Amino acid sequence: MDKNNDLTELQKKHQEQMKQKRDAVKQRKARTHRLIVRGAIAEKVISNAESMTDEQFQAALYQAVGKGDIATSHPQDSVGRPLRENPSEDTS
């Protein structure tokens, strides 16, 4: 009987872990959707955004919202790793 109780506790633990993973995925998808929608809105407001580099787009966006100082951004790849201008610098 103790073995069944332990199994139930283990199942409860795994169910909670799975719930946390589902919640994390749900939050990440919501954030991704929000970023895509807001990025599309920004591209619609800024003329020729499709042909700009990230830095040019950032400067135009800051100018459009009336911010004088441009914060330094660090472009990332689709997994969130920083992009390097020279791929030969990658030592991993």
PDB file of N, CA and C in Angstrom:
ATOM      1  N   MET A   1       0.821  -1.184   0.000  1.00  0.00           N
ATOM      2  CA  MET A   1       0.000   0.000   0.000  1.00  0.00           C
ATOM      3  C   MET A   1       0.867   1.251   0.000  1.00  0.00           C
ATOM      4  N   ASP A   2       1.995   1.191   0.673  1.00  0.00           N
ATOM      5  CA  ASP A   2       2.921   2.320   0.706  1.00  0.00           C
ATOM      6  C   ASP A   2       3.458   2.613  -0.692  1.00  0.00           C
ATOM      7  N   LYS A   3       3.681   1.552  -1.474  1.00  0.00           N
ATOM      8  CA  LYS A   3       4.179   1.726  -2.839  1.00  0.00           C
ATOM      9  C   LYS A   3       3.172   2.506  -3.686  1.00  0.00           C
ATOM     10  N   ASN A   4       1.888   2.229  -3.549  1.00  0.00           N
ATOM     11  CA  ASN A   4       0.854   2.959  -4.293  1.00  0.00           C
ATOM     12  C   ASN A   4       0.822   4.419  -3.878  1.00  0.00           C
ATOM     13  N   ASN A   5       0.984   4.690  -2.583  1.00  0.00           N
ATOM     14  CA  ASN A   5       0.984   6.059  -2.093  1.00  0.00           C
ATOM     15  C   ASN A   5       2.183   6.831  -2.652  1.00  0.00           C
ATOM     16  N   ASP A   6       3.345   6.185  -2.675  1.00  0.00           N
ATOM     17  CA  ASP A   6       4.536   6.815  -3.243  1.00  0.00           C
ATOM     18  C   ASP A   6       4.357   7.102  -4.734  1.00  0.00           C
ATOM     19  N   LEU A   7       3.762   6.176  -5.434  1.00  0.00           N
ATOM     20  CA  LEU A   7       3.527   6.352  -6.856  1.00  0.00           C
ATOM     21  C   LEU A   7       2.585   7.530  -7.091  1.00  0.00           C
ATOM     22  N   THR A   8       1.584   7.633  -6.269  1.00  0.00           N
ATOM     23  CA  THR A   8       0.645   8.738  -6.394  1.00  0.00           C
ATOM     24  C   THR A   8       1.352  10.070  -6.150  1.00  0.00           C
ATOM     25  N   GLU A   9       2.221  10.115  -5.154  1.00  0.00           N
ATOM     26  CA  GLU A   9       2.982  11.342  -4.884  1.00  0.00           C
ATOM     27  C   GLU A   9       3.883  11.687  -6.068  1.00  0.00           C
ATOM     28  N   LEU A  10       4.508  10.663  -6.644  1.00  0.00           N
ATOM     29  CA  LEU A  10       5.367  10.885  -7.810  1.00  0.00           C
ATOM     30  C   LEU A  10       4.536  11.385  -8.986  1.00  0.00           C
ATOM     31  N   GLN A  11       3.356  10.806  -9.165  1.00  0.00           N
ATOM     32  CA  GLN A  11       2.477  11.255 -10.241  1.00  0.00           C
ATOM     33  C   GLN A  11       2.055  12.710 -10.025  1.00  0.00           C
ATOM     34  N   LYS A  12       1.738  13.067  -8.792  1.00  0.00           N
ATOM     35  CA  LYS A  12       1.361  14.445  -8.479  1.00  0.00           C
ATOM     36  C   LYS A  12       2.506  15.402  -8.789  1.00  0.00           C
ATOM     37  N   LYS A  13       3.722  14.984  -8.436  1.00  0.00           N
ATOM     38  CA  LYS A  13       4.894  15.812  -8.697  1.00  0.00           C
ATOM     39  C   LYS A  13       5.061  16.025 -10.202  1.00  0.00           C
ATOM     40  N   HIS A  14       4.925  14.965 -10.978  1.00  0.00           N
ATOM     41  CA  HIS A  14       5.077  15.059 -12.431  1.00  0.00           C
ATOM     42  C   HIS A  14       3.957  15.886 -13.051  1.00  0.00           C
ATOM     43  N   GLN A  15       2.751  15.746 -12.524  1.00  0.00           N
ATOM     44  CA  GLN A  15       1.646  16.544 -13.033  1.00  0.00           C
ATOM     45  C   GLN A  15       1.901  18.032 -12.798  1.00  0.00           C
ATOM     46  N   GLU A  16       2.424  18.370 -11.632  1.00  0.00           N
ATOM     47  CA  GLU A  16       2.732  19.765 -11.319  1.00  0.00           C
ATOM     48  C   GLU A  16       3.848  20.289 -12.235  1.00  0.00           C
ATOM     49  N   GLN A  17       4.865  19.455 -12.484  1.00  0.00           N
ATOM     50  CA  GLN A  17       5.945  19.855 -13.376  1.00  0.00           C
ATOM     51  C   GLN A  17       5.411  20.098 -14.792  1.00  0.00           C
ATOM     52  N   MET A  18       4.533  19.224 -15.246  1.00  0.00           N
ATOM     53  CA  MET A  18       3.961  19.377 -16.584  1.00  0.00           C
ATOM     54  C   MET A  18       3.103  20.641 -16.659  1.00  0.00           C
ATOM     55  N   LYS A  19       2.365  20.938 -15.604  1.00  0.00           N
ATOM     56  CA  LYS A  19       1.552  22.155 -15.567  1.00  0.00           C
ATOM     57  C   LYS A  19       2.451  23.383 -15.659  1.00  0.00           C
ATOM     58  N   GLN A  20       3.566  23.381 -14.927  1.00  0.00           N
ATOM     59  CA  GLN A  20       4.492  24.509 -14.963  1.00  0.00           C
ATOM     60  C   GLN A  20       5.082  24.677 -16.360  1.00  0.00           C
ATOM     61  N   LYS A  21       5.410  23.569 -17.008  1.00  0.00           N
ATOM     62  CA  LYS A  21       5.948  23.639 -18.370  1.00  0.00           C
ATOM     63  C   LYS A  21       4.910  24.181 -19.344  1.00  0.00           C
ATOM     64  N   ARG A  22       3.656  23.723 -19.207  1.00  0.00           N
ATOM     65  CA  ARG A  22       2.588  24.231 -20.082  1.00  0.00           C
ATOM     66  C   ARG A  22       2.385  25.727 -19.875  1.00  0.00           C
ATOM     67  N   ASP A  23       2.402  26.159 -18.625  1.00  0.00           N
ATOM     68  CA  ASP A  23       2.240  27.587 -18.319  1.00  0.00           C
ATOM     69  C   ASP A  23       3.383  28.405 -18.914  1.00  0.00           C
ATOM     70  N   ALA A  24       4.608  27.884 -18.813  1.00  0.00           N
ATOM     71  CA  ALA A  24       5.769  28.595 -19.357  1.00  0.00           C
ATOM     72  C   ALA A  24       5.659  28.718 -20.876  1.00  0.00           C
ATOM     73  N   VAL A  25       5.234  27.652 -21.540  1.00  0.00           N
ATOM     74  CA  VAL A  25       5.064  27.675 -22.995  1.00  0.00           C
ATOM     75  C   VAL A  25       3.971  28.675 -23.369  1.00  0.00           C
ATOM     76  N   LYS A  26       2.886  28.677 -22.615  1.00  0.00           N
ATOM     77  CA  LYS A  26       1.780  29.596 -22.878  1.00  0.00           C
ATOM     78  C   LYS A  26       2.238  31.051 -22.744  1.00  0.00           C
ATOM     79  N   GLN A  27       3.000  31.346 -21.711  1.00  0.00           N
ATOM     80  CA  GLN A  27       3.517  32.706 -21.518  1.00  0.00           C
ATOM     81  C   GLN A  27       4.475  33.103 -22.633  1.00  0.00           C
ATOM     82  N   ARG A  28       5.345  32.174 -23.038  1.00  0.00           N
ATOM     83  CA  ARG A  28       6.306  32.469 -24.098  1.00  0.00           C
ATOM     84  C   ARG A  28       5.585  32.732 -25.421  1.00  0.00           C
ATOM     85  N   LYS A  29       4.562  31.933 -25.720  1.00  0.00           N
ATOM     86  CA  LYS A  29       3.804  32.134 -26.954  1.00  0.00           C
ATOM     87  C   LYS A  29       3.054  33.455 -26.943  1.00  0.00           C
ATOM     88  N   ALA A  30       2.507  33.824 -25.785  1.00  0.00           N
ATOM     89  CA  ALA A  30       1.803  35.104 -25.678  1.00  0.00           C
ATOM     90  C   ALA A  30       2.773  36.259 -25.900  1.00  0.00           C
ATOM     91  N   ARG A  31       3.977  36.167 -25.337  1.00  0.00           N
ATOM     92  CA  ARG A  31       4.977  37.214 -25.515  1.00  0.00           C
ATOM     93  C   ARG A  31       5.407  37.292 -26.981  1.00  0.00           C
ATOM     94  N   THR A  32       5.641  36.150 -27.595  1.00  0.00           N
ATOM     95  CA  THR A  32       6.045  36.122 -29.004  1.00  0.00           C
ATOM     96  C   THR A  32       4.970  36.772 -29.871  1.00  0.00           C
ATOM     97  N   HIS A  33       3.723  36.433 -29.628  1.00  0.00           N
ATOM     98  CA  HIS A  33       2.621  37.011 -30.391  1.00  0.00           C
ATOM     99  C   HIS A  33       2.582  38.529 -30.203  1.00  0.00           C
ATOM    100  N   ARG A  34       2.714  38.977 -28.962  1.00  0.00           N
ATOM    101  CA  ARG A  34       2.689  40.410 -28.672  1.00  0.00           C
ATOM    102  C   ARG A  34       3.828  41.130 -29.401  1.00  0.00           C
ATOM    103  N   LEU A  35       5.027  40.552 -29.370  1.00  0.00           N
ATOM    104  CA  LEU A  35       6.167  41.176 -30.047  1.00  0.00           C
ATOM    105  C   LEU A  35       5.959  41.253 -31.555  1.00  0.00           C
ATOM    106  N   ILE A  36       5.391  40.217 -32.134  1.00  0.00           N
ATOM    107  CA  ILE A  36       5.142  40.211 -33.572  1.00  0.00           C
ATOM    108  C   ILE A  36       4.118  41.276 -33.941  1.00  0.00           C
ATOM    109  N   VAL A  37       3.031  41.338 -33.179  1.00  0.00           N
ATOM    110  CA  VAL A  37       1.986  42.324 -33.466  1.00  0.00           C
ATOM    111  C   VAL A  37       2.538  43.734 -33.323  1.00  0.00           C
ATOM    112  N   ARG A  38       3.252  43.994 -32.246  1.00  0.00           N
ATOM    113  CA  ARG A  38       3.781  45.340 -32.025  1.00  0.00           C
ATOM    114  C   ARG A  38       4.854  45.693 -33.045  1.00  0.00           C
ATOM    115  N   GLY A  39       5.646  44.725 -33.453  1.00  0.00           N
ATOM    116  CA  GLY A  39       6.643  44.962 -34.497  1.00  0.00           C
ATOM    117  C   GLY A  39       5.982  45.300 -35.819  1.00  0.00           C
ATOM    118  N   ALA A  40       4.885  44.620 -36.120  1.00  0.00           N
ATOM    119  CA  ALA A  40       4.147  44.910 -37.353  1.00  0.00           C
ATOM    120  C   ALA A  40       3.570  46.320 -37.317  1.00  0.00           C
ATOM    121  N   ILE A  41       3.078  46.722 -36.150  1.00  0.00           N
ATOM    122  CA  ILE A  41       2.555  48.086 -36.010  1.00  0.00           C
ATOM    123  C   ILE A  41       3.670  49.102 -36.245  1.00  0.00           C
ATOM    124  N   ALA A  42       4.833  48.861 -35.654  1.00  0.00           N
ATOM    125  CA  ALA A  42       5.968  49.778 -35.821  1.00  0.00           C
ATOM    126  C   ALA A  42       6.400  49.844 -37.280  1.00  0.00           C
ATOM    127  N   GLU A  43       6.448  48.706 -37.971  1.00  0.00           N
ATOM    128  CA  GLU A  43       6.825  48.705 -39.387  1.00  0.00           C
ATOM    129  C   GLU A  43       5.819  49.466 -40.232  1.00  0.00           C
ATOM    130  N   LYS A  44       4.568  49.420 -39.837  1.00  0.00           N
ATOM    131  CA  LYS A  44       3.543  50.124 -40.594  1.00  0.00           C
ATOM    132  C   LYS A  44       3.707  51.637 -40.461  1.00  0.00           C
ATOM    133  N   VAL A  45       4.167  52.091 -39.304  1.00  0.00           N
ATOM    134  CA  VAL A  45       4.314  53.515 -39.036  1.00  0.00           C
ATOM    135  C   VAL A  45       5.570  54.082 -39.699  1.00  0.00           C
ATOM    136  N   ILE A  46       6.626  53.298 -39.794  1.00  0.00           N
ATOM    137  CA  ILE A  46       7.913  53.777 -40.298  1.00  0.00           C
ATOM    138  C   ILE A  46       8.040  53.448 -41.782  1.00  0.00           C
ATOM    139  N   SER A  47       8.216  54.487 -42.584  1.00  0.00           N
ATOM    140  CA  SER A  47       8.346  54.309 -44.033  1.00  0.00           C
ATOM    141  C   SER A  47       9.600  53.516 -44.382  1.00  0.00           C
ATOM    142  N   ASN A  48       9.497  52.644 -45.351  1.00  0.00           N
ATOM    143  CA  ASN A  48      10.611  51.835 -45.869  1.00  0.00           C
ATOM    144  C   ASN A  48      11.275  50.974 -44.791  1.00  0.00           C
ATOM    145  N   ALA A  49      10.547  50.569 -43.785  1.00  0.00           N
ATOM    146  CA  ALA A  49      11.122  49.777 -42.695  1.00  0.00           C
ATOM    147  C   ALA A  49      11.698  48.456 -43.195  1.00  0.00           C
ATOM    148  N   GLU A  50      11.088  47.888 -44.221  1.00  0.00           N
ATOM    149  CA  GLU A  50      11.532  46.584 -44.721  1.00  0.00           C
ATOM    150  C   GLU A  50      12.954  46.627 -45.267  1.00  0.00           C
ATOM    151  N   SER A  51      13.364  47.777 -45.786  1.00  0.00           N
ATOM    152  CA  SER A  51      14.682  47.878 -46.406  1.00  0.00           C
ATOM    153  C   SER A  51      15.759  48.390 -45.440  1.00  0.00           C
ATOM    154  N   MET A  52      15.388  48.670 -44.198  1.00  0.00           N
ATOM    155  CA  MET A  52      16.347  49.203 -43.221  1.00  0.00           C
ATOM    156  C   MET A  52      17.077  48.091 -42.477  1.00  0.00           C
ATOM    157  N   THR A  53      18.273  48.426 -42.016  1.00  0.00           N
ATOM    158  CA  THR A  53      18.968  47.522 -41.106  1.00  0.00           C
ATOM    159  C   THR A  53      18.309  47.660 -39.728  1.00  0.00           C
ATOM    160  N   ASP A  54      18.613  46.767 -38.819  1.00  0.00           N
ATOM    161  CA  ASP A  54      18.054  46.854 -37.470  1.00  0.00           C
ATOM    162  C   ASP A  54      18.413  48.178 -36.798  1.00  0.00           C
ATOM    163  N   GLU A  55      19.645  48.611 -36.995  1.00  0.00           N
ATOM    164  CA  GLU A  55      20.096  49.855 -36.384  1.00  0.00           C
ATOM    165  C   GLU A  55      19.359  51.055 -36.969  1.00  0.00           C
ATOM    166  N   GLN A  56      19.175  51.071 -38.293  1.00  0.00           N
ATOM    167  CA  GLN A  56      18.442  52.151 -38.942  1.00  0.00           C
ATOM    168  C   GLN A  56      16.987  52.171 -38.477  1.00  0.00           C
ATOM    169  N   PHE A  57      16.398  50.991 -38.386  1.00  0.00           N
ATOM    170  CA  PHE A  57      15.015  50.900 -37.932  1.00  0.00           C
ATOM    171  C   PHE A  57      14.885  51.395 -36.494  1.00  0.00           C
ATOM    172  N   GLN A  58      15.829  51.021 -35.663  1.00  0.00           N
ATOM    173  CA  GLN A  58      15.801  51.459 -34.269  1.00  0.00           C
ATOM    174  C   GLN A  58      15.889  52.986 -34.191  1.00  0.00           C
ATOM    175  N   ALA A  59      16.796  53.578 -34.961  1.00  0.00           N
ATOM    176  CA  ALA A  59      16.937  55.035 -34.956  1.00  0.00           C
ATOM    177  C   ALA A  59      15.653  55.703 -35.450  1.00  0.00           C
ATOM    178  N   ALA A  60      15.047  55.173 -36.502  1.00  0.00           N
ATOM    179  CA  ALA A  60      13.810  55.742 -37.030  1.00  0.00           C
ATOM    180  C   ALA A  60      12.670  55.600 -36.025  1.00  0.00           C
ATOM    181  N   LEU A  61      12.632  54.496 -35.313  1.00  0.00           N
ATOM    182  CA  LEU A  61      11.595  54.277 -34.304  1.00  0.00           C
ATOM    183  C   LEU A  61      11.745  55.266 -33.155  1.00  0.00           C
ATOM    184  N   TYR A  62      12.962  55.430 -32.691  1.00  0.00           N
ATOM    185  CA  TYR A  62      13.201  56.404 -31.616  1.00  0.00           C
ATOM    186  C   TYR A  62      12.848  57.820 -32.072  1.00  0.00           C
ATOM    187  N   GLN A  63      13.169  58.140 -33.320  1.00  0.00           N
ATOM    188  CA  GLN A  63      12.836  59.460 -33.845  1.00  0.00           C
ATOM    189  C   GLN A  63      11.316  59.617 -33.937  1.00  0.00           C
ATOM    190  N   ALA A  64      10.625  58.557 -34.334  1.00  0.00           N
ATOM    191  CA  ALA A  64       9.172  58.618 -34.484  1.00  0.00           C
ATOM    192  C   ALA A  64       8.459  58.821 -33.154  1.00  0.00           C
ATOM    193  N   VAL A  65       9.025  58.284 -32.082  1.00  0.00           N
ATOM    194  CA  VAL A  65       8.373  58.438 -30.775  1.00  0.00           C
ATOM    195  C   VAL A  65       8.927  59.628 -30.005  1.00  0.00           C
ATOM    196  N   GLY A  66       9.852  60.356 -30.622  1.00  0.00           N
ATOM    197  CA  GLY A  66      10.342  61.586 -30.013  1.00  0.00           C
ATOM    198  C   GLY A  66      11.409  61.401 -28.964  1.00  0.00           C
ATOM    199  N   LYS A  67      12.078  60.278 -28.965  1.00  0.00           N
ATOM    200  CA  LYS A  67      13.184  60.059 -28.027  1.00  0.00           C
ATOM    201  C   LYS A  67      14.467  60.518 -28.699  1.00  0.00           C
ATOM    202  N   GLY A  68      15.240  61.331 -28.006  1.00  0.00           N
ATOM    203  CA  GLY A  68      16.484  61.817 -28.581  1.00  0.00           C
ATOM    204  C   GLY A  68      17.605  60.806 -28.487  1.00  0.00           C
ATOM    205  N   ASP A  69      17.743  60.188 -27.329  1.00  0.00           N
ATOM    206  CA  ASP A  69      18.826  59.224 -27.123  1.00  0.00           C
ATOM    207  C   ASP A  69      18.380  57.838 -27.547  1.00  0.00           C
ATOM    208  N   ILE A  70      19.258  57.177 -28.255  1.00  0.00           N
ATOM    209  CA  ILE A  70      18.967  55.821 -28.705  1.00  0.00           C
ATOM    210  C   ILE A  70      19.683  54.849 -27.781  1.00  0.00           C
ATOM    211  N   ALA A  71      18.915  53.987 -27.166  1.00  0.00           N
ATOM    212  CA  ALA A  71      19.501  52.955 -26.314  1.00  0.00           C
ATOM    213  C   ALA A  71      20.185  51.926 -27.209  1.00  0.00           C
ATOM    214  N   THR A  72      21.283  51.399 -26.741  1.00  0.00           N
ATOM    215  CA  THR A  72      21.997  50.394 -27.505  1.00  0.00           C
ATOM    216  C   THR A  72      21.216  49.091 -27.465  1.00  0.00           C
ATOM    217  N   SER A  73      20.974  48.534 -28.630  1.00  0.00           N
ATOM    218  CA  SER A  73      20.288  47.246 -28.665  1.00  0.00           C
ATOM    219  C   SER A  73      21.290  46.182 -29.063  1.00  0.00           C
ATOM    220  N   HIS A  74      20.957  44.978 -28.720  1.00  0.00           N
ATOM    221  CA  HIS A  74      21.808  43.846 -29.041  1.00  0.00           C
ATOM    222  C   HIS A  74      20.951  42.833 -29.785  1.00  0.00           C
ATOM    223  N   PRO A  75      20.996  42.839 -31.131  1.00  0.00           N
ATOM    224  CA  PRO A  75      20.171  41.904 -31.900  1.00  0.00           C
ATOM    225  C   PRO A  75      20.441  40.465 -31.485  1.00  0.00           C
ATOM    226  N   GLN A  76      19.390  39.655 -31.546  1.00  0.00           N
ATOM    227  CA  GLN A  76      19.489  38.260 -31.154  1.00  0.00           C
ATOM    228  C   GLN A  76      18.979  37.384 -32.281  1.00  0.00           C
ATOM    229  N   ASP A  77      19.422  36.117 -32.257  1.00  0.00           N
ATOM    230  CA  ASP A  77      18.893  35.164 -33.215  1.00  0.00           C
ATOM    231  C   ASP A  77      17.561  34.631 -32.689  1.00  0.00           C
ATOM    232  N   SER A  78      16.984  33.661 -33.384  1.00  0.00           N
ATOM    233  CA  SER A  78      15.657  33.161 -33.019  1.00  0.00           C
ATOM    234  C   SER A  78      15.621  32.436 -31.676  1.00  0.00           C
ATOM    235  N   VAL A  79      16.792  32.095 -31.130  1.00  0.00           N
ATOM    236  CA  VAL A  79      16.848  31.411 -29.844  1.00  0.00           C
ATOM    237  C   VAL A  79      17.221  32.373 -28.717  1.00  0.00           C
ATOM    238  N   GLY A  80      17.509  33.619 -29.062  1.00  0.00           N
ATOM    239  CA  GLY A  80      17.841  34.606 -28.048  1.00  0.00           C
ATOM    240  C   GLY A  80      19.326  34.794 -27.810  1.00  0.00           C
ATOM    241  N   ARG A  81      20.153  34.131 -28.614  1.00  0.00           N
ATOM    242  CA  ARG A  81      21.602  34.323 -28.484  1.00  0.00           C
ATOM    243  C   ARG A  81      21.999  35.601 -29.206  1.00  0.00           C
ATOM    244  N   PRO A  82      22.952  36.352 -28.654  1.00  0.00           N
ATOM    245  CA  PRO A  82      23.395  37.586 -29.322  1.00  0.00           C
ATOM    246  C   PRO A  82      24.007  37.277 -30.682  1.00  0.00           C
ATOM    247  N   LEU A  83      23.692  38.114 -31.664  1.00  0.00           N
ATOM    248  CA  LEU A  83      24.300  37.957 -32.987  1.00  0.00           C
ATOM    249  C   LEU A  83      25.689  38.571 -32.973  1.00  0.00           C
ATOM    250  N   ARG A  84      26.594  37.968 -33.699  1.00  0.00           N
ATOM    251  CA  ARG A  84      27.945  38.505 -33.817  1.00  0.00           C
ATOM    252  C   ARG A  84      28.120  38.994 -35.248  1.00  0.00           C
ATOM    253  N   GLU A  85      28.786  40.121 -35.378  1.00  0.00           N
ATOM    254  CA  GLU A  85      29.020  40.639 -36.724  1.00  0.00           C
ATOM    255  C   GLU A  85      30.009  39.772 -37.475  1.00  0.00           C
ATOM    256  N   ASN A  86      30.967  39.192 -36.750  1.00  0.00           N
ATOM    257  CA  ASN A  86      31.967  38.343 -37.369  1.00  0.00           C
ATOM    258  C   ASN A  86      31.810  36.937 -36.803  1.00  0.00           C
ATOM    259  N   PRO A  87      31.216  36.000 -37.567  1.00  0.00           N
ATOM    260  CA  PRO A  87      30.978  34.652 -37.052  1.00  0.00           C
ATOM    261  C   PRO A  87      32.254  33.913 -36.663  1.00  0.00           C
ATOM    262  N   SER A  88      33.406  34.352 -37.168  1.00  0.00           N
ATOM    263  CA  SER A  88      34.662  33.688 -36.807  1.00  0.00           C
ATOM    264  C   SER A  88      35.030  33.955 -35.364  1.00  0.00           C
ATOM    265  N   GLU A  89      34.379  34.958 -34.717  1.00  0.00           N
ATOM    266  CA  GLU A  89      34.631  35.245 -33.297  1.00  0.00           C
ATOM    267  C   GLU A  89      33.992  34.206 -32.393  1.00  0.00           C
ATOM    268  N   ASP A  90      33.113  33.374 -32.951  1.00  0.00           N
ATOM    269  CA  ASP A  90      32.397  32.375 -32.157  1.00  0.00           C
ATOM    270  C   ASP A  90      33.378  31.298 -31.731  1.00  0.00           C
ATOM    271  N   THR A  91      33.558  31.167 -30.445  1.00  0.00           N
ATOM    272  CA  THR A  91      34.521  30.185 -29.926  1.00  0.00           C
ATOM    273  C   THR A  91      33.853  28.964 -29.355  1.00  0.00           C
ATOM    274  N   SER A  92      32.513  28.869 -29.467  1.00  0.00           N
ATOM    275  CA  SER A  92      31.835  27.702 -28.874  1.00  0.00           C
ATOM    276  C   SER A  92      31.804  26.516 -29.768  1.00  0.00           C
TER     277      SER A  92
END
